[in-house]
Amino acid sequence: MINRWSSFNFIVTLIMMLPIVLVVNHALGNETQMLGHLKDTVLLGYITDTLILVFGVGFLTLILGVGSAYITTFYQFRFVGFFVFALALPFTIPTYIMGYIYSDMFGYFNHFHLFLRSMGITGYFNVLNINSVIIFMSLALYPYVYLIVKASFEKSKSTLVNPALSLGSSRKKLFFKIILPLSRPAIIGSLALVMMETISEYGIAEYYNVKTLTVAIFNTWFGLHDSASAAYMAVVAMLMVLIVLSIEKISRGKAQYKVESSGAEVKKQVLKGYKLYLTYFLLSIPIVFGFIIPLIWMSVYSYEYAANLLDAEFIGILTNSFISASLSASFIMLLAFIVGYTSRIFPTAFNSYISKFISLGFTMPGALIAIGIIMLFADIDTWLIDNYFTTTLFLSASYFALLFSYIIRFSAIGIHTVDSSFERVSIHLNRASRSLGKSYFQTMFKVELPLMKNALLFGFVLVFVSTIKELPITLVLRPFNYDTLATKTYALANSQMLHEASIYTLSIIIISLIPLTIMLLKAQK
């Protein structure tokens, strides 16, 4: 049924998909000589490095995320509440910042090498390689898996788990036969997010000289000034993501993963002795290397350089980041709420597919979205100049272009958050309000919105933190003389001014840490 609500969803989807369609059309319709040369020489290497990085990071984040989620959910031990909270903290540190910090520590003739030389060890190892990138990206990205999978593990019902334990099933067998299969959607979904973030990553890959497709897109666009070749490689990156998602969808088939509700708690095993200390050691590894060491590094150098850097420029950059993240998160959650509400009150196949199309933005590399928006807005500005005799570029390199790109990129986070929350709110409340004479619009604001405020806040925090950390899109689309904390960190790090960048990296973490901490503490109550 097509109505005003469904029409709004369709128009929004059309607008958000237009930049991606333009990139695909530009890539497939322009076979340049340079593109042919890239295909014959380096394109296969770009794809190979990207695949190695994706599967390496995917495997390591799976071990860290699922392992930590399982231990903190199904075992009882002292300080478990601290580990539940602390294991999520590396989410506040962007991957490129993780890479900059450990490069400064382990790079040639830096702190670690100087320490080895003082011990009489003169050997040298190169930290700037793809293996290091896999490790550092995994430390920054595993919280995606940890948070999502832990939420799924906590829904493992006692009606399945407790009888298995009573019948003598071992914890290992219980994990592989019951808990893991029931949590497959959460595991695969979170792993897909990690893979998509890995493909889109630019800062650490470029700094460590890893030739990924995203690095190739930037080099081709800005170095060779070849938009067609850049668009082509962006489409290749997009196809890699879609292939991964399609394989998972096909392998799942028609399997259902719903579990009946139960109020009883799952029996937890109490850890004692050497198992307890081994657990402390294993859970501390990602916390220490993924959060504590980077935080100490940034705090020390921020203290040394803060006096010279806390000026009007720093305040302006801080303000830019906060405003852009707040505005984009607000728009995204409002949009997600309207789209989710429309699918709820008109549960047609049309509205369901509309929601999926809007979510496609998160599967696209940030560079692809940026290229598409440049093409779209450049065409609009050209049309305005030709028809209205103006010489002003209203949209290209504007603040609106930057916000629009954030909305396309991160709308999926808001939509998935809203949809999952709507599933826990009975539709009968909506129907009761409608039967009392309230319109759909009145019901949305007076009934649904108050029930959804916690979910909207949760989604706002996730989008806010993701936007604060975002680098590739901001580098391409930021207005002239406009910097965010992420772009300033990148600029200083690329100029080998890592110590001066510390105050900006610490600011990213503090700004991200405050709402994330509030959200995590509220979730534990």
Protein backbone atom coordinates (compact mmCIF):
# COMPACT_ATOMS: atom_id res chain seq x y z
CA MET A 1 0.00 0.00 0.00
CA ILE A 2 1.46 3.32 -1.13
CA ASN A 3 0.64 6.27 1.14
CA ARG A 4 2.30 9.39 2.48
CA TRP A 5 4.43 7.43 4.94
CA SER A 6 5.66 4.93 2.36
CA SER A 7 6.20 7.70 -0.19
CA PHE A 8 8.43 9.54 2.27
CA ASN A 9 10.52 6.39 2.77
CA PHE A 10 10.81 5.91 -0.99
CA ILE A 11 11.93 9.50 -1.63
CA VAL A 12 14.51 9.35 1.16
CA THR A 13 15.87 6.06 -0.19
CA LEU A 14 16.07 7.43 -3.72
CA ILE A 15 18.03 10.48 -2.57
CA MET A 16 20.43 8.41 -0.44
CA MET A 17 21.06 5.82 -3.16
CA LEU A 18 21.65 8.37 -5.94
CA PRO A 19 25.37 9.02 -5.16
CA ILE A 20 26.08 5.27 -5.13
CA VAL A 21 24.25 4.77 -8.44
CA LEU A 22 26.29 7.61 -9.98
CA VAL A 23 29.57 6.01 -8.91
CA VAL A 24 28.59 2.63 -10.35
CA ASN A 25 27.51 4.24 -13.62
CA HIS A 26 30.71 6.31 -13.80
CA ALA A 27 32.85 3.24 -13.12
CA LEU A 28 31.21 1.00 -15.70
CA GLY A 29 30.81 3.65 -18.38
CA ASN A 30 34.38 4.99 -18.55
CA GLU A 31 37.17 2.55 -19.49
CA THR A 32 40.24 4.82 -19.44
CA GLN A 33 43.76 3.95 -20.50
CA MET A 34 44.92 4.41 -16.91
CA LEU A 35 42.29 1.95 -15.66
CA GLY A 36 43.49 -0.64 -18.14
CA HIS A 37 47.05 -0.13 -16.92
CA LEU A 38 45.97 -0.53 -13.29
CA LYS A 39 44.14 -3.75 -14.13
CA ASP A 40 47.22 -5.19 -15.78
CA THR A 41 49.65 -4.19 -13.02
CA VAL A 42 48.53 -3.42 -9.47
CA LEU A 43 44.78 -4.02 -9.13
CA LEU A 44 45.20 -7.70 -8.23
CA GLY A 45 47.69 -6.72 -5.53
CA TYR A 46 45.23 -4.20 -4.08
CA ILE A 47 42.50 -6.85 -3.96
CA THR A 48 44.85 -9.44 -2.43
CA ASP A 49 46.05 -7.12 0.35
CA THR A 50 42.45 -6.09 1.06
CA LEU A 51 41.34 -9.72 1.35
CA ILE A 52 44.27 -10.62 3.61
CA LEU A 53 43.45 -7.66 5.84
CA VAL A 54 39.71 -8.42 5.93
CA PHE A 55 40.06 -12.09 6.81
CA GLY A 56 42.95 -11.50 9.23
CA VAL A 57 41.07 -8.82 11.15
CA GLY A 58 37.86 -10.85 10.96
CA PHE A 59 39.50 -13.93 12.46
CA LEU A 60 41.26 -12.07 15.29
CA THR A 61 38.21 -9.96 16.22
CA LEU A 62 36.14 -13.14 16.27
CA ILE A 63 38.50 -14.73 18.80
CA LEU A 64 38.72 -11.63 20.99
CA GLY A 65 35.06 -10.63 20.77
CA VAL A 66 33.32 -13.99 21.07
CA GLY A 67 35.78 -15.28 23.66
CA SER A 68 35.44 -12.27 25.96
CA ALA A 69 31.65 -12.19 25.52
CA TYR A 70 31.36 -15.89 26.41
CA ILE A 71 33.57 -15.69 29.51
CA THR A 72 31.87 -12.61 30.97
CA THR A 73 28.38 -14.02 30.29
CA PHE A 74 28.56 -17.67 31.37
CA TYR A 75 31.14 -17.57 34.16
CA GLN A 76 31.07 -15.90 37.56
CA PHE A 77 34.24 -14.46 39.05
CA ARG A 78 35.42 -11.49 41.05
CA PHE A 79 35.60 -8.17 39.15
CA VAL A 80 33.48 -9.53 36.27
CA GLY A 81 31.53 -6.25 36.25
CA PHE A 82 34.75 -4.31 35.67
CA PHE A 83 35.74 -6.52 32.73
CA VAL A 84 32.26 -6.27 31.19
CA PHE A 85 32.70 -2.50 31.14
CA ALA A 86 36.41 -2.28 30.31
CA LEU A 87 36.29 -4.67 27.35
CA ALA A 88 34.12 -2.16 25.46
CA LEU A 89 36.47 0.80 25.97
CA PRO A 90 38.74 0.19 22.91
CA PHE A 91 35.66 1.10 20.83
CA THR A 92 36.50 4.75 21.58
CA ILE A 93 39.91 4.56 19.92
CA PRO A 94 39.90 4.85 16.10
CA THR A 95 41.95 2.32 14.16
CA TYR A 96 44.25 4.95 12.67
CA ILE A 97 45.06 6.35 16.12
CA MET A 98 45.89 2.84 17.33
CA GLY A 99 48.27 2.51 14.41
CA TYR A 100 49.94 5.89 15.01
CA ILE A 101 50.55 5.15 18.67
CA TYR A 102 52.14 1.73 18.20
CA SER A 103 54.18 3.02 15.27
CA ASP A 104 55.64 5.64 17.60
CA MET A 105 56.38 2.96 20.21
CA PHE A 106 57.80 0.23 17.98
CA GLY A 107 59.02 2.18 14.95
CA TYR A 108 62.72 2.21 14.06
CA PHE A 109 64.79 4.07 16.66
CA ASN A 110 61.73 4.79 18.76
CA HIS A 111 61.13 3.80 22.36
CA PHE A 112 61.09 0.01 22.04
CA HIS A 113 64.11 -0.19 19.73
CA LEU A 114 66.09 2.15 21.94
CA PHE A 115 65.25 -0.07 24.91
CA LEU A 116 66.47 -3.16 23.03
CA ARG A 117 69.70 -1.41 22.06
CA SER A 118 70.27 -0.48 25.71
CA MET A 119 70.01 -4.21 26.47
CA GLY A 120 72.61 -4.99 23.82
CA ILE A 121 70.10 -6.23 21.23
CA THR A 122 70.82 -4.54 17.89
CA GLY A 123 68.42 -6.43 15.65
CA TYR A 124 65.67 -4.56 13.79
CA PHE A 125 62.16 -5.58 12.93
CA ASN A 126 59.81 -3.60 10.72
CA VAL A 127 56.48 -2.86 12.41
CA LEU A 128 55.09 -1.11 9.33
CA ASN A 129 53.55 -4.15 7.66
CA ILE A 130 50.19 -5.79 7.07
CA ASN A 131 50.54 -8.14 10.05
CA SER A 132 50.82 -5.18 12.41
CA VAL A 133 47.79 -3.55 10.79
CA ILE A 134 45.77 -6.73 11.38
CA ILE A 135 46.68 -6.76 15.07
CA PHE A 136 46.10 -3.05 15.72
CA MET A 137 42.82 -2.93 13.76
CA SER A 138 41.59 -5.99 15.64
CA LEU A 139 42.30 -4.30 18.98
CA ALA A 140 40.19 -1.32 17.89
CA LEU A 141 37.35 -3.22 16.20
CA TYR A 142 36.74 -6.29 18.37
CA PRO A 143 34.25 -4.36 20.61
CA TYR A 144 31.78 -4.52 17.70
CA VAL A 145 31.76 -8.31 18.08
CA TYR A 146 31.99 -8.25 21.87
CA LEU A 147 29.03 -5.92 22.46
CA ILE A 148 26.68 -7.47 19.91
CA VAL A 149 27.50 -11.10 20.68
CA LYS A 150 27.35 -10.54 24.45
CA ALA A 151 23.84 -9.15 24.06
CA SER A 152 22.93 -12.31 22.12
CA PHE A 153 24.58 -14.63 24.67
CA GLU A 154 22.59 -12.99 27.46
CA LYS A 155 19.40 -14.05 25.67
CA SER A 156 20.45 -17.72 25.79
CA LYS A 157 17.52 -19.17 27.67
CA SER A 158 17.75 -21.48 30.63
CA THR A 159 15.12 -23.77 29.06
CA LEU A 160 17.84 -24.95 26.67
CA VAL A 161 21.07 -24.39 28.57
CA ASN A 162 20.18 -25.62 32.07
CA PRO A 163 18.72 -28.99 30.97
CA ALA A 164 21.85 -29.65 28.91
CA LEU A 165 24.01 -28.96 31.97
CA SER A 166 21.78 -31.20 34.12
CA LEU A 167 22.21 -34.05 31.62
CA GLY A 168 25.97 -33.88 32.02
CA SER A 169 26.90 -31.80 28.97
CA SER A 170 30.34 -30.19 29.26
CA ARG A 171 30.72 -26.43 28.96
CA LYS A 172 32.73 -26.89 25.76
CA LYS A 173 30.04 -29.06 24.14
CA LEU A 174 27.30 -26.69 25.32
CA PHE A 175 29.11 -23.76 23.72
CA PHE A 176 29.57 -25.39 20.30
CA LYS A 177 26.26 -27.26 20.13
CA ILE A 178 23.73 -24.78 21.59
CA ILE A 179 25.06 -21.33 22.46
CA LEU A 180 27.14 -20.70 19.34
CA PRO A 181 24.50 -21.87 16.79
CA LEU A 182 21.76 -19.79 18.43
CA SER A 183 24.02 -16.70 18.33
CA ARG A 184 25.02 -17.14 14.71
CA PRO A 185 23.09 -14.09 13.40
CA ALA A 186 24.72 -11.84 16.01
CA ILE A 187 28.19 -13.26 15.33
CA ILE A 188 27.90 -13.01 11.56
CA GLY A 189 26.26 -9.59 11.75
CA SER A 190 28.95 -8.14 13.99
CA LEU A 191 31.67 -9.78 11.90
CA ALA A 192 30.17 -8.20 8.79
CA LEU A 193 30.39 -4.79 10.47
CA VAL A 194 34.07 -5.42 11.23
CA MET A 195 34.76 -6.48 7.65
CA MET A 196 33.01 -3.42 6.26
CA GLU A 197 34.96 -1.13 8.56
CA THR A 198 38.18 -2.89 7.53
CA ILE A 199 37.52 -2.41 3.83
CA SER A 200 36.71 1.27 4.41
CA GLU A 201 39.77 1.95 6.60
CA TYR A 202 42.22 4.44 5.14
CA GLY A 203 44.35 6.10 7.84
CA ILE A 204 46.27 3.15 9.28
CA ALA A 205 46.54 1.32 5.93
CA GLU A 206 48.02 4.36 4.22
CA TYR A 207 50.37 5.11 7.12
CA TYR A 208 51.65 1.50 7.24
CA ASN A 209 51.96 1.35 3.44
CA VAL A 210 49.42 -1.44 3.02
CA LYS A 211 47.99 -1.32 -0.50
CA THR A 212 44.26 -1.75 0.07
CA LEU A 213 41.50 -0.76 -2.33
CA THR A 214 40.59 2.28 -0.21
CA VAL A 215 44.19 3.52 -0.31
CA ALA A 216 44.19 2.92 -4.07
CA ILE A 217 41.00 4.95 -4.44
CA PHE A 218 42.59 7.96 -2.72
CA ASN A 219 45.86 7.61 -4.65
CA THR A 220 44.06 7.35 -7.96
CA TRP A 221 41.65 10.19 -7.24
CA PHE A 222 44.10 12.72 -5.79
CA GLY A 223 47.42 11.47 -7.19
CA LEU A 224 46.47 10.52 -10.74
CA HIS A 225 43.33 12.70 -10.99
CA ASP A 226 41.48 9.78 -12.57
CA SER A 227 37.92 9.71 -11.25
CA ALA A 228 36.83 6.78 -13.45
CA SER A 229 39.56 4.48 -12.13
CA ALA A 230 38.86 5.55 -8.54
CA ALA A 231 35.16 4.85 -9.05
CA TYR A 232 35.94 1.44 -10.55
CA MET A 233 38.02 0.38 -7.54
CA ALA A 234 35.33 1.70 -5.20
CA VAL A 235 32.80 -0.54 -6.95
CA VAL A 236 35.18 -3.51 -6.61
CA ALA A 237 35.37 -2.84 -2.86
CA MET A 238 31.60 -2.62 -2.67
CA LEU A 239 31.21 -5.92 -4.52
CA MET A 240 33.54 -7.61 -2.02
CA VAL A 241 31.24 -6.56 0.82
CA LEU A 242 28.10 -7.65 -1.01
CA ILE A 243 29.64 -11.04 -1.83
CA VAL A 244 30.45 -11.65 1.84
CA LEU A 245 26.91 -10.71 2.91
CA SER A 246 25.35 -12.81 0.14
CA ILE A 247 27.37 -15.92 1.06
CA GLU A 248 26.19 -15.65 4.67
CA LYS A 249 22.58 -15.14 3.60
CA ILE A 250 22.66 -18.15 1.26
CA SER A 251 24.36 -20.40 3.83
CA ARG A 252 21.76 -19.49 6.45
CA GLY A 253 18.90 -20.45 4.14
CA LYS A 254 15.53 -20.50 5.90
CA ALA A 255 16.92 -21.34 9.32
CA GLN A 256 15.23 -19.61 12.26
CA TYR A 257 17.09 -18.49 15.38
CA LYS A 258 14.33 -17.36 17.70
CA VAL A 259 14.41 -18.60 21.29
CA GLU A 260 11.39 -18.81 23.60
CA SER A 261 11.23 -16.46 26.55
CA SER A 262 12.08 -17.60 30.05
CA GLY A 263 12.56 -15.76 33.30
CA ALA A 264 15.04 -18.22 34.84
CA GLU A 265 18.74 -17.44 34.81
CA VAL A 266 21.39 -19.57 33.16
CA LYS A 267 23.61 -21.41 35.63
CA LYS A 268 27.05 -19.82 35.74
CA GLN A 269 30.23 -21.64 36.64
CA VAL A 270 32.31 -20.02 39.39
CA LEU A 271 35.97 -19.69 38.43
CA LYS A 272 38.62 -20.42 41.05
CA GLY A 273 42.31 -21.19 41.28
CA TYR A 274 44.50 -21.12 38.18
CA LYS A 275 41.43 -20.81 35.89
CA LEU A 276 40.57 -17.51 37.56
CA TYR A 277 44.06 -16.07 37.10
CA LEU A 278 44.22 -17.34 33.52
CA THR A 279 40.90 -15.58 32.86
CA TYR A 280 42.25 -12.33 34.32
CA PHE A 281 45.30 -12.60 32.08
CA LEU A 282 43.39 -13.34 28.86
CA LEU A 283 40.74 -10.66 29.39
CA SER A 284 43.38 -8.09 30.30
CA ILE A 285 45.25 -8.43 26.99
CA PRO A 286 42.77 -6.51 24.78
CA ILE A 287 42.08 -3.99 27.56
CA VAL A 288 45.76 -3.21 28.19
CA PHE A 289 46.89 -3.10 24.56
CA GLY A 290 43.63 -1.79 23.12
CA PHE A 291 42.93 0.99 25.63
CA ILE A 292 45.24 1.48 28.63
CA ILE A 293 48.56 1.75 26.77
CA PRO A 294 47.18 4.08 24.06
CA LEU A 295 45.47 6.20 26.73
CA ILE A 296 48.68 6.53 28.77
CA TRP A 297 50.69 7.38 25.64
CA MET A 298 48.26 10.14 24.64
CA SER A 299 47.90 11.48 28.18
CA VAL A 300 51.68 11.82 28.68
CA TYR A 301 52.29 13.65 25.41
CA SER A 302 49.13 15.72 25.74
CA TYR A 303 50.39 16.94 29.11
CA GLU A 304 53.73 17.92 27.57
CA TYR A 305 52.30 19.71 24.54
CA ALA A 306 48.91 20.95 25.80
CA ALA A 307 50.22 24.40 26.75
CA ASN A 308 51.23 25.08 23.14
CA LEU A 309 48.18 23.52 21.48
CA LEU A 310 45.20 24.60 23.61
CA ASP A 311 44.44 27.68 21.57
CA ALA A 312 41.62 29.10 19.49
CA GLU A 313 42.37 26.68 16.63
CA PHE A 314 42.02 23.68 18.93
CA ILE A 315 38.72 24.99 20.35
CA GLY A 316 37.43 25.53 16.82
CA ILE A 317 38.37 22.02 15.70
CA LEU A 318 36.83 20.54 18.85
CA THR A 319 33.62 22.48 18.19
CA ASN A 320 33.53 21.37 14.54
CA SER A 321 33.75 17.70 15.52
CA PHE A 322 31.15 17.93 18.27
CA ILE A 323 28.61 19.84 16.16
CA SER A 324 28.98 17.66 13.06
CA ALA A 325 28.69 14.43 15.08
CA SER A 326 25.72 15.73 17.08
CA LEU A 327 23.83 17.00 14.03
CA SER A 328 24.40 13.88 11.95
CA ALA A 329 23.45 11.59 14.86
CA SER A 330 20.26 13.61 15.49
CA PHE A 331 19.20 13.55 11.82
CA ILE A 332 19.98 9.85 11.50
CA MET A 333 17.99 8.82 14.58
CA LEU A 334 15.02 10.97 13.51
CA LEU A 335 15.14 9.43 10.05
CA ALA A 336 15.54 5.92 11.47
CA PHE A 337 12.58 6.42 13.79
CA ILE A 338 10.30 7.55 10.96
CA VAL A 339 11.45 4.76 8.63
CA GLY A 340 11.08 2.14 11.37
CA TYR A 341 7.68 3.46 12.41
CA THR A 342 6.44 3.32 8.80
CA SER A 343 7.56 -0.30 8.46
CA ARG A 344 5.83 -1.03 11.76
CA ILE A 345 2.41 0.39 10.95
CA PHE A 346 2.51 -0.65 7.27
CA PRO A 347 4.42 -3.98 7.31
CA THR A 348 4.54 -4.45 3.54
CA ALA A 349 7.35 -5.98 1.48
CA PHE A 350 7.86 -2.55 -0.12
CA ASN A 351 8.61 -0.86 3.21
CA SER A 352 10.79 -3.77 4.30
CA TYR A 353 12.99 -3.49 1.20
CA ILE A 354 13.11 0.30 1.53
CA SER A 355 14.61 -0.10 4.98
CA LYS A 356 17.24 -2.52 3.63
CA PHE A 357 18.20 -0.16 0.79
CA ILE A 358 18.75 2.74 3.20
CA SER A 359 21.01 0.48 5.26
CA LEU A 360 23.21 -0.25 2.23
CA GLY A 361 25.21 2.91 2.92
CA PHE A 362 27.03 1.21 5.77
CA THR A 363 28.17 -1.59 3.44
CA MET A 364 29.81 0.91 1.11
CA PRO A 365 33.39 2.13 1.56
CA GLY A 366 33.47 5.72 2.76
CA ALA A 367 35.53 6.69 -0.28
CA LEU A 368 32.78 5.42 -2.61
CA ILE A 369 30.16 7.54 -0.85
CA ALA A 370 32.42 10.60 -0.99
CA ILE A 371 33.06 10.16 -4.71
CA GLY A 372 29.35 9.75 -5.40
CA ILE A 373 28.42 12.90 -3.49
CA ILE A 374 31.10 14.91 -5.29
CA MET A 375 29.71 13.77 -8.64
CA LEU A 376 26.10 14.46 -7.64
CA PHE A 377 26.70 17.90 -6.17
CA ALA A 378 29.09 18.92 -8.95
CA ASP A 379 26.37 18.14 -11.52
CA ILE A 380 23.81 20.12 -9.51
CA ASP A 381 26.17 23.11 -9.15
CA THR A 382 26.95 23.00 -12.88
CA TRP A 383 23.24 23.02 -13.67
CA LEU A 384 22.69 26.01 -11.37
CA ILE A 385 25.58 27.91 -12.95
CA ASP A 386 24.33 27.21 -16.48
CA ASN A 387 20.69 28.10 -15.78
CA TYR A 388 20.86 30.81 -13.14
CA PHE A 389 24.09 32.56 -14.20
CA THR A 390 25.70 32.15 -10.81
CA THR A 391 29.36 31.44 -10.19
CA THR A 392 28.96 30.11 -6.64
CA LEU A 393 29.39 26.42 -5.84
CA PHE A 394 26.53 26.00 -3.38
CA LEU A 395 26.86 22.30 -2.68
CA SER A 396 30.32 21.08 -3.68
CA ALA A 397 32.76 21.12 -0.75
CA SER A 398 30.01 22.43 1.53
CA TYR A 399 29.10 21.56 5.10
CA PHE A 400 25.83 20.12 3.82
CA ALA A 401 27.76 17.65 1.63
CA LEU A 402 29.68 16.45 4.70
CA LEU A 403 26.51 15.96 6.79
CA PHE A 404 24.76 14.24 3.89
CA SER A 405 27.63 11.77 3.57
CA TYR A 406 27.50 10.97 7.30
CA ILE A 407 23.77 10.30 7.04
CA ILE A 408 24.27 7.88 4.13
CA ARG A 409 27.20 6.16 5.83
CA PHE A 410 25.76 5.64 9.31
CA SER A 411 21.98 5.45 8.82
CA ALA A 412 22.16 1.66 9.07
CA ILE A 413 23.24 1.91 12.71
CA GLY A 414 20.18 3.94 13.61
CA ILE A 415 17.78 1.81 11.57
CA HIS A 416 18.98 -1.49 13.05
CA THR A 417 18.78 -0.04 16.57
CA VAL A 418 15.24 1.24 16.06
CA ASP A 419 14.01 -1.94 14.33
CA SER A 420 15.33 -4.21 17.08
CA SER A 421 13.70 -2.03 19.72
CA PHE A 422 10.35 -1.90 17.92
CA GLU A 423 10.31 -5.72 17.98
CA ARG A 424 10.10 -5.57 21.79
CA VAL A 425 7.19 -3.08 21.82
CA SER A 426 3.74 -4.54 21.21
CA ILE A 427 1.91 -3.24 18.14
CA HIS A 428 -1.32 -3.44 20.17
CA LEU A 429 -0.37 -0.18 21.91
CA ASN A 430 -0.31 1.56 18.56
CA ARG A 431 -3.63 0.05 17.54
CA ALA A 432 -5.24 1.01 20.85
CA SER A 433 -4.17 4.62 20.35
CA ARG A 434 -5.53 4.61 16.80
CA SER A 435 -8.85 3.15 18.03
CA LEU A 436 -9.15 6.11 20.43
CA GLY A 437 -9.07 8.54 17.52
CA LYS A 438 -5.40 9.50 17.50
CA SER A 439 -3.72 9.87 14.11
CA TYR A 440 -0.61 7.95 13.09
CA PHE A 441 1.43 11.11 13.63
CA GLN A 442 0.00 11.75 17.11
CA THR A 443 0.49 8.11 18.07
CA MET A 444 4.10 8.24 16.92
CA PHE A 445 4.98 11.15 19.21
CA LYS A 446 2.72 10.44 22.20
CA VAL A 447 2.93 6.63 22.41
CA GLU A 448 5.84 5.21 20.41
CA LEU A 449 8.45 7.92 21.02
CA PRO A 450 8.35 7.76 24.86
CA LEU A 451 8.69 3.95 24.70
CA MET A 452 11.64 4.24 22.30
CA LYS A 453 13.67 6.95 24.03
CA ASN A 454 16.28 4.55 25.46
CA ALA A 455 16.81 2.87 22.09
CA LEU A 456 17.08 6.23 20.36
CA LEU A 457 19.65 7.37 22.92
CA PHE A 458 21.62 4.14 22.43
CA GLY A 459 21.60 4.61 18.65
CA PHE A 460 22.53 8.29 19.01
CA VAL A 461 25.62 7.35 21.04
CA LEU A 462 26.74 4.73 18.51
CA VAL A 463 26.32 7.12 15.57
CA PHE A 464 27.93 9.99 17.48
CA VAL A 465 31.04 7.95 18.31
CA SER A 466 31.28 6.56 14.77
CA THR A 467 31.05 10.04 13.27
CA ILE A 468 33.65 11.51 15.62
CA LYS A 469 36.12 8.83 14.52
CA GLU A 470 35.29 8.94 10.77
CA LEU A 471 38.24 9.89 8.53
CA PRO A 472 38.02 9.04 4.77
CA ILE A 473 34.74 10.85 4.06
CA THR A 474 35.77 13.88 6.09
CA LEU A 475 39.11 14.14 4.31
CA VAL A 476 37.41 14.28 0.91
CA LEU A 477 34.27 16.34 1.60
CA ARG A 478 35.21 18.81 4.35
CA PRO A 479 34.77 22.48 3.39
CA PHE A 480 37.83 24.65 2.81
CA ASN A 481 39.72 25.55 6.01
CA TYR A 482 37.53 23.12 7.95
CA ASP A 483 39.15 20.53 10.21
CA THR A 484 37.83 17.95 12.63
CA LEU A 485 39.74 16.11 15.33
CA ALA A 486 40.13 13.16 12.97
CA THR A 487 41.51 15.14 10.01
CA LYS A 488 43.83 17.19 12.22
CA THR A 489 45.20 14.00 13.79
CA TYR A 490 45.77 12.55 10.32
CA ALA A 491 47.50 15.70 9.05
CA LEU A 492 49.87 15.91 12.02
CA ALA A 493 50.64 12.18 11.98
CA ASN A 494 51.43 12.24 8.26
CA SER A 495 53.82 15.10 8.95
CA GLN A 496 55.55 12.91 11.55
CA MET A 497 54.25 15.17 14.34
CA LEU A 498 52.75 12.36 16.41
CA HIS A 499 53.44 14.04 19.74
CA GLU A 500 51.65 17.21 18.66
CA ALA A 501 48.72 15.08 17.47
CA SER A 502 48.29 13.56 20.93
CA ILE A 503 46.00 16.30 22.26
CA TYR A 504 43.65 15.77 19.31
CA THR A 505 43.67 11.98 19.64
CA LEU A 506 42.99 12.24 23.37
CA SER A 507 40.10 14.59 22.67
CA ILE A 508 38.51 12.05 20.32
CA ILE A 509 38.68 9.40 23.02
CA ILE A 510 37.33 11.62 25.81
CA ILE A 511 34.42 12.87 23.69
CA SER A 512 33.59 9.29 22.68
CA LEU A 513 34.17 7.86 26.15
CA ILE A 514 31.68 10.06 28.00
CA PRO A 515 28.48 8.97 26.18
CA LEU A 516 29.71 5.38 25.82
CA THR A 517 30.35 5.15 29.57
CA ILE A 518 26.90 6.50 30.38
CA MET A 519 25.34 4.00 28.00
CA LEU A 520 27.28 1.02 29.37
CA LEU A 521 26.59 1.90 33.01
CA LYS A 522 22.91 2.32 32.24
CA ALA A 523 22.84 -1.06 30.49
CA GLN A 524 24.31 -2.81 33.56
CA LYS A 525 21.59 -1.52 35.91
